[in-house]
C-alpha atoms as a PDB file:
ATOM      1  CA  MET A   1      -8.995  16.271   0.879  1.00  0.00           C
ATOM      2  CA  ARG A   2     -12.714  16.716   0.569  1.00  0.00           C
ATOM      3  CA  GLY A   3     -14.620  13.793  -0.818  1.00  0.00           C
ATOM      4  CA  SER A   4     -11.676  11.438  -0.324  1.00  0.00           C
ATOM      5  CA  ASN A   5     -13.782   9.067   1.786  1.00  0.00           C
ATOM      6  CA  ASN A   6     -16.412   8.853  -0.928  1.00  0.00           C
ATOM      7  CA  ILE A   7     -13.795   8.231  -3.613  1.00  0.00           C
ATOM      8  CA  ALA A   8     -12.193   5.510  -1.500  1.00  0.00           C
ATOM      9  CA  THR A   9     -15.609   3.960  -0.881  1.00  0.00           C
ATOM     10  CA  LEU A  10     -16.279   3.860  -4.614  1.00  0.00           C
ATOM     11  CA  TRP A  11     -13.016   2.089  -5.385  1.00  0.00           C
ATOM     12  CA  LEU A  12     -13.461  -0.347  -2.508  1.00  0.00           C
ATOM     13  CA  ALA A  13     -16.955  -1.152  -3.746  1.00  0.00           C
ATOM     14  CA  LEU A  14     -15.611  -1.901  -7.229  1.00  0.00           C
ATOM     15  CA  THR A  15     -13.431  -4.650  -5.760  1.00  0.00           C
ATOM     16  CA  GLY A  16     -16.607  -6.531  -4.881  1.00  0.00           C
ATOM     17  CA  PHE A  17     -17.456  -6.862  -8.572  1.00  0.00           C
ATOM     18  CA  ALA A  18     -14.220  -8.790  -9.137  1.00  0.00           C
ATOM     19  CA  ARG A  19     -14.017 -10.953  -6.002  1.00  0.00           C
ATOM     20  CA  SER A  20     -16.456 -11.776  -3.242  1.00  0.00           C
ATOM     21  CA  ASN A  21     -13.794 -11.121  -0.605  1.00  0.00           C
ATOM     22  CA  GLY A  22     -14.037  -7.463  -1.588  1.00  0.00           C
ATOM     23  CA  VAL A  23     -16.610  -7.193   1.196  1.00  0.00           C
ATOM     24  CA  LEU A  24     -13.700  -7.312   3.655  1.00  0.00           C
ATOM     25  CA  ASN A  25     -12.721  -3.843   2.506  1.00  0.00           C
ATOM     26  CA  ALA A  26     -15.731  -2.511   4.373  1.00  0.00           C
ATOM     27  CA  GLY A  27     -13.671  -3.187   7.487  1.00  0.00           C
ATOM     28  CA  TYR A  28     -11.529  -0.139   6.745  1.00  0.00           C
ATOM     29  CA  ILE A  29     -14.593   2.091   6.791  1.00  0.00           C
ATOM     30  CA  CYS A  30     -15.881   0.379   9.937  1.00  0.00           C
ATOM     31  CA  PHE A  31     -12.551   0.952  11.671  1.00  0.00           C
ATOM     32  CA  GLN A  32     -12.571   4.619  10.723  1.00  0.00           C
ATOM     33  CA  THR A  33     -16.189   4.987  11.806  1.00  0.00           C
ATOM     34  CA  MET A  34     -15.467   3.339  15.151  1.00  0.00           C
ATOM     35  CA  HIS A  35     -12.759   5.860  16.003  1.00  0.00           C
ATOM     36  CA  ARG A  36     -14.609   8.874  14.669  1.00  0.00           C
ATOM     37  CA  SER A  37     -17.770   8.008  16.566  1.00  0.00           C
ATOM     38  CA  TYR A  38     -15.780   7.462  19.770  1.00  0.00           C
ATOM     39  CA  LYS A  39     -14.141  10.857  19.376  1.00  0.00           C
ATOM     40  CA  ALA A  40     -17.451  12.551  18.648  1.00  0.00           C
ATOM     41  CA  ALA A  41     -19.247  10.874  21.556  1.00  0.00           C
ATOM     42  CA  PHE A  42     -16.657  10.873  24.339  1.00  0.00           C
ATOM     43  CA  VAL A  43     -14.206  13.619  23.413  1.00  0.00           C
ATOM     44  CA  ARG A  44     -16.375  16.250  21.764  1.00  0.00           C
ATOM     45  CA  LYS A  45     -19.578  15.194  23.576  1.00  0.00           C
ATOM     46  CA  ASN A  46     -21.526  15.721  20.364  1.00  0.00           C
ATOM     47  CA  ALA A  47     -24.500  13.362  20.109  1.00  0.00           C
ATOM     48  CA  GLY A  48     -25.622  14.711  16.753  1.00  0.00           C
ATOM     49  CA  GLY A  49     -22.140  14.386  15.318  1.00  0.00           C
ATOM     50  CA  THR A  50     -21.915  10.826  16.601  1.00  0.00           C
ATOM     51  CA  LEU A  51     -25.135   9.820  14.868  1.00  0.00           C
ATOM     52  CA  LEU A  52     -23.976  11.478  11.661  1.00  0.00           C
ATOM     53  CA  VAL A  53     -20.665   9.614  11.751  1.00  0.00           C
ATOM     54  CA  LEU A  54     -22.393   6.283  12.402  1.00  0.00           C
ATOM     55  CA  LEU A  55     -24.914   6.873   9.640  1.00  0.00           C
ATOM     56  CA  SER A  56     -22.308   7.845   7.053  1.00  0.00           C
ATOM     57  CA  GLY A  57     -20.128   4.885   8.031  1.00  0.00           C
ATOM     58  CA  ALA A  58     -23.053   2.473   7.748  1.00  0.00           C
ATOM     59  CA  LEU A  59     -24.014   3.828   4.325  1.00  0.00           C
ATOM     60  CA  ARG A  60     -20.452   3.605   3.032  1.00  0.00           C
ATOM     61  CA  SER A  61     -20.074   0.052   4.342  1.00  0.00           C
ATOM     62  CA  LEU A  62     -23.369  -0.954   2.775  1.00  0.00           C
ATOM     63  CA  PHE A  63     -22.269   0.542  -0.525  1.00  0.00           C
ATOM     64  CA  ILE A  64     -19.038  -1.477  -0.444  1.00  0.00           C
ATOM     65  CA  ILE A  65     -20.829  -4.793   0.116  1.00  0.00           C
ATOM     66  CA  SER A  66     -23.634  -3.960  -2.336  1.00  0.00           C
ATOM     67  CA  PRO A  67     -21.971  -5.784  -5.298  1.00  0.00           C
ATOM     68  CA  PHE A  68     -21.839  -8.985  -3.247  1.00  0.00           C
ATOM     69  CA  ILE A  69     -25.468  -8.581  -2.195  1.00  0.00           C
ATOM     70  CA  ALA A  70     -26.498  -7.885  -5.792  1.00  0.00           C
ATOM     71  CA  PHE A  71     -24.793 -11.056  -7.028  1.00  0.00           C
ATOM     72  CA  GLN A  72     -26.459 -13.194  -4.371  1.00  0.00           C
ATOM     73  CA  ALA A  73     -29.847 -11.640  -5.138  1.00  0.00           C
ATOM     74  CA  TYR A  74     -29.352 -12.252  -8.855  1.00  0.00           C
ATOM     75  CA  GLY A  75     -28.546 -15.920  -8.244  1.00  0.00           C
ATOM     76  CA  TYR A  76     -31.485 -16.360  -5.897  1.00  0.00           C
ATOM     77  CA  TYR A  77     -33.902 -14.746  -8.357  1.00  0.00           C
ATOM     78  CA  ASN A  78     -32.784 -16.936 -11.263  1.00  0.00           C
ATOM     79  CA  MET A  79     -32.548 -20.254  -9.418  1.00  0.00           C
ATOM     80  CA  CYS A  80     -34.990 -20.090  -6.548  1.00  0.00           C
ATOM     81  CA  VAL A  81     -37.880 -17.811  -7.484  1.00  0.00           C
ATOM     82  CA  GLY A  82     -40.748 -19.353  -9.416  1.00  0.00           C
ATOM     83  CA  GLY A  83     -39.821 -22.997  -8.892  1.00  0.00           C
ATOM     84  CA  THR A  84     -41.537 -25.622  -6.802  1.00  0.00           C
ATOM     85  CA  SER A  85     -40.212 -26.696  -3.448  1.00  0.00           C
ATOM     86  CA  ASP A  86     -38.956 -29.982  -4.883  1.00  0.00           C
ATOM     87  CA  GLU A  87     -37.074 -28.248  -7.690  1.00  0.00           C
ATOM     88  CA  MET A  88     -35.257 -25.814  -5.439  1.00  0.00           C
ATOM     89  CA  ARG A  89     -31.620 -26.391  -4.621  1.00  0.00           C
ATOM     90  CA  PRO A  90     -30.838 -26.865  -0.910  1.00  0.00           C
ATOM     91  CA  TRP A  91     -29.231 -23.448  -0.592  1.00  0.00           C
ATOM     92  CA  CYS A  92     -32.472 -21.766  -1.676  1.00  0.00           C
ATOM     93  CA  LYS A  93     -34.145 -23.001   1.513  1.00  0.00           C
ATOM     94  CA  ALA A  94     -31.387 -21.808   3.816  1.00  0.00           C
ATOM     95  CA  ARG A  95     -32.095 -19.040   6.310  1.00  0.00           C
ATOM     96  CA  LEU A  96     -29.395 -16.978   4.610  1.00  0.00           C
ATOM     97  CA  PRO A  97     -29.263 -18.219   0.991  1.00  0.00           C
ATOM     98  CA  LEU A  98     -25.741 -17.701  -0.327  1.00  0.00           C
ATOM     99  CA  LEU A  99     -25.076 -19.216  -3.730  1.00  0.00           C
ATOM    100  CA  TYR A 100     -21.307 -18.934  -3.726  1.00  0.00           C
ATOM    101  CA  ASN A 101     -20.895 -20.457  -0.264  1.00  0.00           C
ATOM    102  CA  TYR A 102     -23.010 -23.442  -1.264  1.00  0.00           C
ATOM    103  CA  ILE A 103     -20.980 -24.092  -4.416  1.00  0.00           C
ATOM    104  CA  GLN A 104     -17.707 -23.876  -2.512  1.00  0.00           C
ATOM    105  CA  SER A 105     -18.866 -26.201   0.238  1.00  0.00           C
ATOM    106  CA  ARG A 106     -20.726 -28.739  -1.924  1.00  0.00           C
ATOM    107  CA  TYR A 107     -18.492 -29.038  -4.974  1.00  0.00           C
ATOM    108  CA  TRP A 108     -15.096 -27.699  -3.940  1.00  0.00           C
ATOM    109  CA  GLY A 109     -14.858 -29.020  -0.395  1.00  0.00           C
ATOM    110  CA  VAL A 110     -14.267 -25.593   1.123  1.00  0.00           C
ATOM    111  CA  GLY A 111     -14.980 -25.364   4.829  1.00  0.00           C
ATOM    112  CA  PHE A 112     -13.455 -25.156   8.275  1.00  0.00           C
ATOM    113  CA  LEU A 113     -10.669 -27.780   8.573  1.00  0.00           C
ATOM    114  CA  LYS A 114     -12.000 -29.697   5.544  1.00  0.00           C
ATOM    115  CA  TYR A 115      -8.643 -29.352   3.809  1.00  0.00           C
ATOM    116  CA  PHE A 116      -6.694 -30.847   6.700  1.00  0.00           C
ATOM    117  CA  GLN A 117      -5.965 -34.162   4.989  1.00  0.00           C
ATOM    118  CA  VAL A 118      -2.775 -36.142   4.510  1.00  0.00           C
ATOM    119  CA  LYS A 119      -3.037 -35.940   0.724  1.00  0.00           C
ATOM    120  CA  GLN A 120      -3.064 -32.135   0.943  1.00  0.00           C
ATOM    121  CA  ILE A 121       0.345 -31.902   2.635  1.00  0.00           C
ATOM    122  CA  PRO A 122       2.063 -30.880  -0.647  1.00  0.00           C
ATOM    123  CA  ASN A 123      -0.361 -27.978  -0.972  1.00  0.00           C
ATOM    124  CA  PHE A 124       0.403 -26.863   2.582  1.00  0.00           C
ATOM    125  CA  VAL A 125       4.103 -26.978   1.712  1.00  0.00           C
ATOM    126  CA  LEU A 126       3.397 -24.925  -1.399  1.00  0.00           C
ATOM    127  CA  ALA A 127       1.619 -22.289   0.672  1.00  0.00           C
ATOM    128  CA  SER A 128       4.122 -22.290   3.545  1.00  0.00           C
ATOM    129  CA  PRO A 129       6.378 -19.471   2.213  1.00  0.00           C
ATOM    130  CA  ILE A 130       3.623 -16.891   1.848  1.00  0.00           C
ATOM    131  CA  LEU A 131       1.962 -17.981   5.095  1.00  0.00           C
ATOM    132  CA  SER A 132       5.291 -17.728   6.922  1.00  0.00           C
ATOM    133  CA  LEU A 133       5.926 -14.278   5.489  1.00  0.00           C
ATOM    134  CA  ALA A 134       2.441 -13.165   6.490  1.00  0.00           C
ATOM    135  CA  LEU A 135       2.847 -14.539  10.010  1.00  0.00           C
ATOM    136  CA  CYS A 136       6.211 -12.812  10.443  1.00  0.00           C
ATOM    137  CA  THR A 137       4.660  -9.587   9.176  1.00  0.00           C
ATOM    138  CA  ILE A 138       1.896  -9.747  11.755  1.00  0.00           C
ATOM    139  CA  ILE A 139       4.273 -10.587  14.603  1.00  0.00           C
ATOM    140  CA  HIS A 140       6.682  -7.834  13.580  1.00  0.00           C
ATOM    141  CA  TYR A 141       4.165  -5.022  13.623  1.00  0.00           C
ATOM    142  CA  VAL A 142       2.353  -6.226  16.725  1.00  0.00           C
ATOM    143  CA  LYS A 143       5.649  -6.418  18.627  1.00  0.00           C
ATOM    144  CA  LEU A 144       6.470  -2.850  17.618  1.00  0.00           C
ATOM    145  CA  TRP A 145       3.276  -1.359  19.015  1.00  0.00           C
ATOM    146  CA  PRO A 146       1.509  -3.962  21.190  1.00  0.00           C
ATOM    147  CA  GLU A 147      -0.575  -1.366  23.037  1.00  0.00           C
ATOM    148  CA  VAL A 148      -1.895   0.047  19.787  1.00  0.00           C
ATOM    149  CA  PHE A 149      -2.927  -3.296  18.341  1.00  0.00           C
ATOM    150  CA  VAL A 150      -4.375  -4.784  21.510  1.00  0.00           C
ATOM    151  CA  SER A 151      -6.486  -1.670  22.052  1.00  0.00           C
ATOM    152  CA  LEU A 152      -7.437  -1.445  18.343  1.00  0.00           C
ATOM    153  CA  GLY A 153      -5.789   1.943  18.182  1.00  0.00           C
ATOM    154  CA  PHE A 154      -7.525   3.514  21.172  1.00  0.00           C
ATOM    155  CA  ARG A 155      -4.280   3.612  23.143  1.00  0.00           C
ATOM    156  CA  GLU A 156      -1.220   5.408  21.842  1.00  0.00           C
ATOM    157  CA  SER A 157       2.164   3.730  22.011  1.00  0.00           C
ATOM    158  CA  SER A 158       4.673   5.250  24.398  1.00  0.00           C
ATOM    159  CA  PRO A 159       7.135   7.704  22.809  1.00  0.00           C
ATOM    160  CA  ASN A 160      10.150   5.698  23.937  1.00  0.00           C
ATOM    161  CA  LYS A 161       8.927   2.487  22.373  1.00  0.00           C
ATOM    162  CA  GLU A 162       7.796   4.259  19.245  1.00  0.00           C
ATOM    163  CA  SER A 163      11.171   5.924  18.787  1.00  0.00           C
ATOM    164  CA  ALA A 164      12.956   2.609  19.244  1.00  0.00           C
ATOM    165  CA  ALA A 165      10.685   0.719  16.894  1.00  0.00           C
ATOM    166  CA  SER A 166      11.404   0.049  13.245  1.00  0.00           C
ATOM    167  CA  SER A 167       8.703  -0.616  10.714  1.00  0.00           C
ATOM    168  CA  MET A 168       9.279   0.535   7.168  1.00  0.00           C
ATOM    169  CA  PRO A 169      12.336   0.034   4.952  1.00  0.00           C
ATOM    170  CA  LEU A 170      12.541   3.768   4.305  1.00  0.00           C
ATOM    171  CA  GLY A 171      11.375   6.500   6.624  1.00  0.00           C
ATOM    172  CA  ARG A 172      12.106   9.729   8.377  1.00  0.00           C
ATOM    173  CA  SER A 173      14.239   9.949  11.437  1.00  0.00           C
ATOM    174  CA  ALA A 174      13.195  11.774  14.545  1.00  0.00           C
ATOM    175  CA  GLY A 175      13.863  15.464  14.222  1.00  0.00           C
ATOM    176  CA  SER A 176      14.884  15.230  10.591  1.00  0.00           C
ATOM    177  CA  LYS A 177      13.063  16.142   7.420  1.00  0.00           C
ATOM    178  CA  SER A 178      15.381  14.142   5.200  1.00  0.00           C
ATOM    179  CA  VAL A 179      14.615  10.538   4.403  1.00  0.00           C
ATOM    180  CA  GLY A 180      16.873   7.993   6.031  1.00  0.00           C
ATOM    181  CA  PHE A 181      19.255  10.400   7.810  1.00  0.00           C
ATOM    182  CA  PRO A 182      19.090  11.285  11.505  1.00  0.00           C
ATOM    183  CA  SER A 183      19.385  14.898  12.531  1.00  0.00           C
ATOM    184  CA  GLU A 184      22.712  15.969  13.953  1.00  0.00           C
ATOM    185  CA  ASN A 185      24.343  19.236  14.962  1.00  0.00           C
ATOM    186  CA  ARG A 186      26.877  20.847  12.663  1.00  0.00           C
ATOM    187  CA  SER A 187      30.420  20.621  13.980  1.00  0.00           C
ATOM    188  CA  ASP A 188      33.734  22.077  12.959  1.00  0.00           C
ATOM    189  CA  ALA A 189      34.957  18.671  11.845  1.00  0.00           C
ATOM    190  CA  GLY A 190      35.929  18.154   8.246  1.00  0.00           C
ATOM    191  CA  GLN A 191      33.521  17.118   5.559  1.00  0.00           C
ATOM    192  CA  GLY A 192      35.051  13.630   5.432  1.00  0.00           C
ATOM    193  CA  ASP A 193      34.372  12.974   9.120  1.00  0.00           C
ATOM    194  CA  SER A 194      30.839  14.300   8.772  1.00  0.00           C
ATOM    195  CA  LEU A 195      30.205  12.049   5.794  1.00  0.00           C
ATOM    196  CA  ARG A 196      31.567   9.019   7.634  1.00  0.00           C
ATOM    197  CA  ARG A 197      29.366   9.765  10.630  1.00  0.00           C
ATOM    198  CA  ARG A 198      26.345  10.055   8.383  1.00  0.00           C
ATOM    199  CA  LYS A 199      27.114   6.763   6.659  1.00  0.00           C
ATOM    200  CA  LEU A 200      27.593   5.052  10.010  1.00  0.00           C
ATOM    201  CA  ALA A 201      24.335   6.515  11.261  1.00  0.00           C
ATOM    202  CA  VAL A 202      22.523   5.245   8.191  1.00  0.00           C
ATOM    203  CA  ARG A 203      23.941   1.750   8.611  1.00  0.00           C
ATOM    204  CA  GLU A 204      22.906   1.710  12.249  1.00  0.00           C
ATOM    205  CA  GLU A 205      19.596   3.373  11.502  1.00  0.00           C
ATOM    206  CA  ASN A 206      16.814   0.913  12.129  1.00  0.00           C
ATOM    207  CA  TYR A 207      14.584   2.692   9.659  1.00  0.00           C
ATOM    208  CA  VAL A 208      12.513   4.529  12.199  1.00  0.00           C
ATOM    209  CA  VAL A 209       9.284   5.990  10.914  1.00  0.00           C
ATOM    210  CA  GLN A 210       8.911   8.878  13.302  1.00  0.00           C
ATOM    211  CA  PRO A 211       8.509  12.465  12.121  1.00  0.00           C
ATOM    212  CA  SER A 212       9.479  15.690  13.751  1.00  0.00           C
ATOM    213  CA  GLU A 213       6.889  17.449  15.889  1.00  0.00           C
ATOM    214  CA  ASP A 214       5.903  19.758  13.036  1.00  0.00           C
ATOM    215  CA  GLU A 215       5.524  16.867  10.619  1.00  0.00           C
ATOM    216  CA  ALA A 216       3.535  14.843  13.121  1.00  0.00           C
ATOM    217  CA  SER A 217       1.016  17.620  13.482  1.00  0.00           C
ATOM    218  CA  GLU A 218       0.743  18.069   9.711  1.00  0.00           C
ATOM    219  CA  ASN A 219       0.725  14.421   8.722  1.00  0.00           C
ATOM    220  CA  PRO A 220      -1.242  12.054  10.985  1.00  0.00           C
ATOM    221  CA  GLY A 221      -0.275   9.168   8.708  1.00  0.00           C
ATOM    222  CA  PHE A 222       2.893   8.700  10.720  1.00  0.00           C
ATOM    223  CA  LYS A 223       0.895   7.338  13.635  1.00  0.00           C
ATOM    224  CA  PRO A 224       1.021   3.541  14.016  1.00  0.00           C
ATOM    225  CA  ILE A 225      -2.759   3.418  14.352  1.00  0.00           C
ATOM    226  CA  ILE A 226      -2.965   3.641  10.570  1.00  0.00           C
ATOM    227  CA  LEU A 227      -1.422   0.164  10.340  1.00  0.00           C
ATOM    228  CA  VAL A 228      -3.998  -1.497  12.587  1.00  0.00           C
ATOM    229  CA  PRO A 229      -6.763  -2.108  10.001  1.00  0.00           C
ATOM    230  CA  PHE A 230      -4.223  -3.441   7.504  1.00  0.00           C
ATOM    231  CA  ILE A 231      -2.851  -5.934  10.013  1.00  0.00           C
ATOM    232  CA  LEU A 232      -6.328  -6.976  11.148  1.00  0.00           C
ATOM    233  CA  HIS A 233      -7.264  -7.499   7.509  1.00  0.00           C
ATOM    234  CA  LEU A 234      -4.163  -9.642   7.017  1.00  0.00           C
ATOM    235  CA  VAL A 235      -4.858 -11.663  10.175  1.00  0.00           C
ATOM    236  CA  PHE A 236      -8.357 -12.487   8.967  1.00  0.00           C
ATOM    237  CA  MET A 237      -7.130 -13.484   5.511  1.00  0.00           C
ATOM    238  CA  VAL A 238      -4.355 -15.698   6.904  1.00  0.00           C
ATOM    239  CA  ALA A 239      -6.768 -17.483   9.239  1.00  0.00           C
ATOM    240  CA  THR A 240      -9.285 -17.968   6.434  1.00  0.00           C
ATOM    241  CA  ALA A 241      -6.663 -19.212   3.973  1.00  0.00           C
ATOM    242  CA  PHE A 242      -5.167 -21.688   6.444  1.00  0.00           C
ATOM    243  CA  PHE A 243      -8.260 -23.071   8.143  1.00  0.00           C
ATOM    244  CA  VAL A 244     -11.050 -22.709   5.570  1.00  0.00           C
ATOM    245  CA  MET A 245      -9.864 -22.320   1.985  1.00  0.00           C
ATOM    246  CA  HIS A 246      -7.829 -24.489  -0.334  1.00  0.00           C
ATOM    247  CA  VAL A 247      -4.557 -23.517   1.277  1.00  0.00           C
ATOM    248  CA  GLN A 248      -2.561 -23.268  -1.960  1.00  0.00           C
ATOM    249  CA  VAL A 249      -4.800 -20.392  -3.056  1.00  0.00           C
ATOM    250  CA  SER A 250      -3.246 -18.294  -0.293  1.00  0.00           C
ATOM    251  CA  THR A 251      -0.279 -17.548  -2.578  1.00  0.00           C
ATOM    252  CA  ARG A 252      -2.469 -15.190  -4.603  1.00  0.00           C
ATOM    253  CA  PHE A 253      -5.142 -14.551  -1.969  1.00  0.00           C
ATOM    254  CA  LEU A 254      -2.661 -12.879   0.382  1.00  0.00           C
ATOM    255  CA  SER A 255      -0.780 -11.042  -2.359  1.00  0.00           C
ATOM    256  CA  ALA A 256      -3.299  -8.185  -2.120  1.00  0.00           C
ATOM    257  CA  SER A 257      -2.166  -7.261   1.403  1.00  0.00           C
ATOM    258  CA  PRO A 258       0.150  -4.194   1.553  1.00  0.00           C
ATOM    259  CA  PRO A 259       1.886  -5.152   4.856  1.00  0.00           C
ATOM    260  CA  LEU A 260       3.484  -8.147   3.124  1.00  0.00           C
ATOM    261  CA  TYR A 261       5.387  -5.816   0.822  1.00  0.00           C
ATOM    262  CA  TRP A 262       6.202  -3.344   3.594  1.00  0.00           C
ATOM    263  CA  PHE A 263       7.725  -6.062   5.736  1.00  0.00           C
ATOM    264  CA  GLY A 264       9.423  -7.781   2.792  1.00  0.00           C
ATOM    265  CA  SER A 265      11.117  -4.553   1.711  1.00  0.00           C
ATOM    266  CA  TYR A 266      12.128  -3.903   5.322  1.00  0.00           C
ATOM    267  CA  VAL A 267      13.819  -7.305   5.547  1.00  0.00           C
ATOM    268  CA  MET A 268      15.627  -6.828   2.235  1.00  0.00           C
ATOM    269  CA  ALA A 269      16.803  -3.282   3.020  1.00  0.00           C
ATOM    270  CA  SER A 270      17.556  -3.391   6.735  1.00  0.00           C
ATOM    271  CA  PRO A 271      21.305  -3.575   7.511  1.00  0.00           C
ATOM    272  CA  ARG A 272      20.575  -5.164  10.888  1.00  0.00           C
ATOM    273  CA  LEU A 273      19.112  -8.307   9.394  1.00  0.00           C
ATOM    274  CA  SER A 274      20.951 -11.058   7.583  1.00  0.00           C
ATOM    275  CA  LYS A 275      21.065 -10.570   3.822  1.00  0.00           C
ATOM    276  CA  ARG A 276      20.166 -14.230   3.493  1.00  0.00           C
ATOM    277  CA  TRP A 277      16.541 -13.547   4.365  1.00  0.00           C
ATOM    278  CA  GLY A 278      16.386 -10.774   1.811  1.00  0.00           C
ATOM    279  CA  TYR A 279      17.739 -13.101  -0.863  1.00  0.00           C
ATOM    280  CA  ILE A 280      15.222 -15.770   0.128  1.00  0.00           C
ATOM    281  CA  ILE A 281      12.312 -13.345  -0.233  1.00  0.00           C
ATOM    282  CA  TRP A 282      13.642 -12.036  -3.544  1.00  0.00           C
ATOM    283  CA  THR A 283      14.168 -15.563  -4.901  1.00  0.00           C
ATOM    284  CA  TYR A 284      10.706 -16.666  -3.826  1.00  0.00           C
ATOM    285  CA  CYS A 285       9.047 -13.691  -5.506  1.00  0.00           C
ATOM    286  CA  ALA A 286      10.990 -14.236  -8.727  1.00  0.00           C
ATOM    287  CA  ALA A 287      10.207 -17.966  -8.718  1.00  0.00           C
ATOM    288  CA  TYR A 288       6.554 -17.263  -8.019  1.00  0.00           C
ATOM    289  CA  ILE A 289       6.327 -14.982 -11.048  1.00  0.00           C
ATOM    290  CA  LEU A 290       8.264 -17.158 -13.480  1.00  0.00           C
ATOM    291  CA  LEU A 291       7.524 -20.695 -12.318  1.00  0.00           C
ATOM    292  CA  GLY A 292       4.009 -19.870 -11.215  1.00  0.00           C
ATOM    293  CA  SER A 293       3.057 -18.431 -14.582  1.00  0.00           C
ATOM    294  CA  LEU A 294       4.379 -21.519 -16.345  1.00  0.00           C
ATOM    295  CA  LEU A 295       2.648 -24.039 -14.077  1.00  0.00           C
ATOM    296  CA  PHE A 296      -0.663 -22.220 -13.778  1.00  0.00           C
ATOM    297  CA  SER A 297      -0.999 -21.790 -17.542  1.00  0.00           C
ATOM    298  CA  ASN A 298      -0.536 -25.556 -17.896  1.00  0.00           C
ATOM    299  CA  PHE A 299      -3.298 -26.307 -15.370  1.00  0.00           C
ATOM    300  CA  TYR A 300      -1.054 -27.300 -12.484  1.00  0.00           C
ATOM    301  CA  PRO A 301      -2.312 -26.377  -8.991  1.00  0.00           C
ATOM    302  CA  PHE A 302       0.059 -23.466  -8.511  1.00  0.00           C
ATOM    303  CA  THR A 303      -1.867 -20.353  -7.649  1.00  0.00           C
END
């Protein structure tokens, strides 16, 4: 689709107007640029194409973080420009003056390991479900394709491991164009036996996301490399939420990560996993919506 990168860049940039952590979305463009420039430089041996890819990636990344830069510049202009040295706030004199970081550190106590206090144990307990789900999500996908994640997508996973791996709750089976059903040869057996075999295959199916050869050539989205930037994004957010932020905020901070929902739906739908875990995830989500809305609207620290 022509222009899809520019449309995606526009929407990613708009996230920066709502939240400062929208700048992290530039990582998706950087990841794409890294692979495209590598292909242009070392596979196609095209120096001009490499420079063009790097330039377009840099411009798109800059456009995504431009709302954050504009907000910081606006704050600096209104609070730091025109005043005397004695009247300036400490952050105005910093080498990299960031208004929001100063407010968080000075007035909210946000910083590396600053929240690791005994009195904050209840907040860590409050955040433990979403952090546990996020950690299991990361471990699950990394264990499926370790070569892909360790190499940041530059190494393909082996076909045997990829065919044995399970990732999504619904997917296509190898050699089949139907969702959820493996391909099998027609036999002279009755329709009842065929139906029973199909049902058994579905129950034993570990929800493999692996297309046929024709589909793989037409749809590159089946490749596990597409998951790498999402998992890296989640890893960064989990580390930031646990070590830097007010940890209870992670309940809504991490809710913007798609892999959480992919893994959660996989756990709830997979016949190979205990239904208990699916019920636990479902109950937590329902309680978060109902109880969380009630507590947050009454100014309790449930976020």
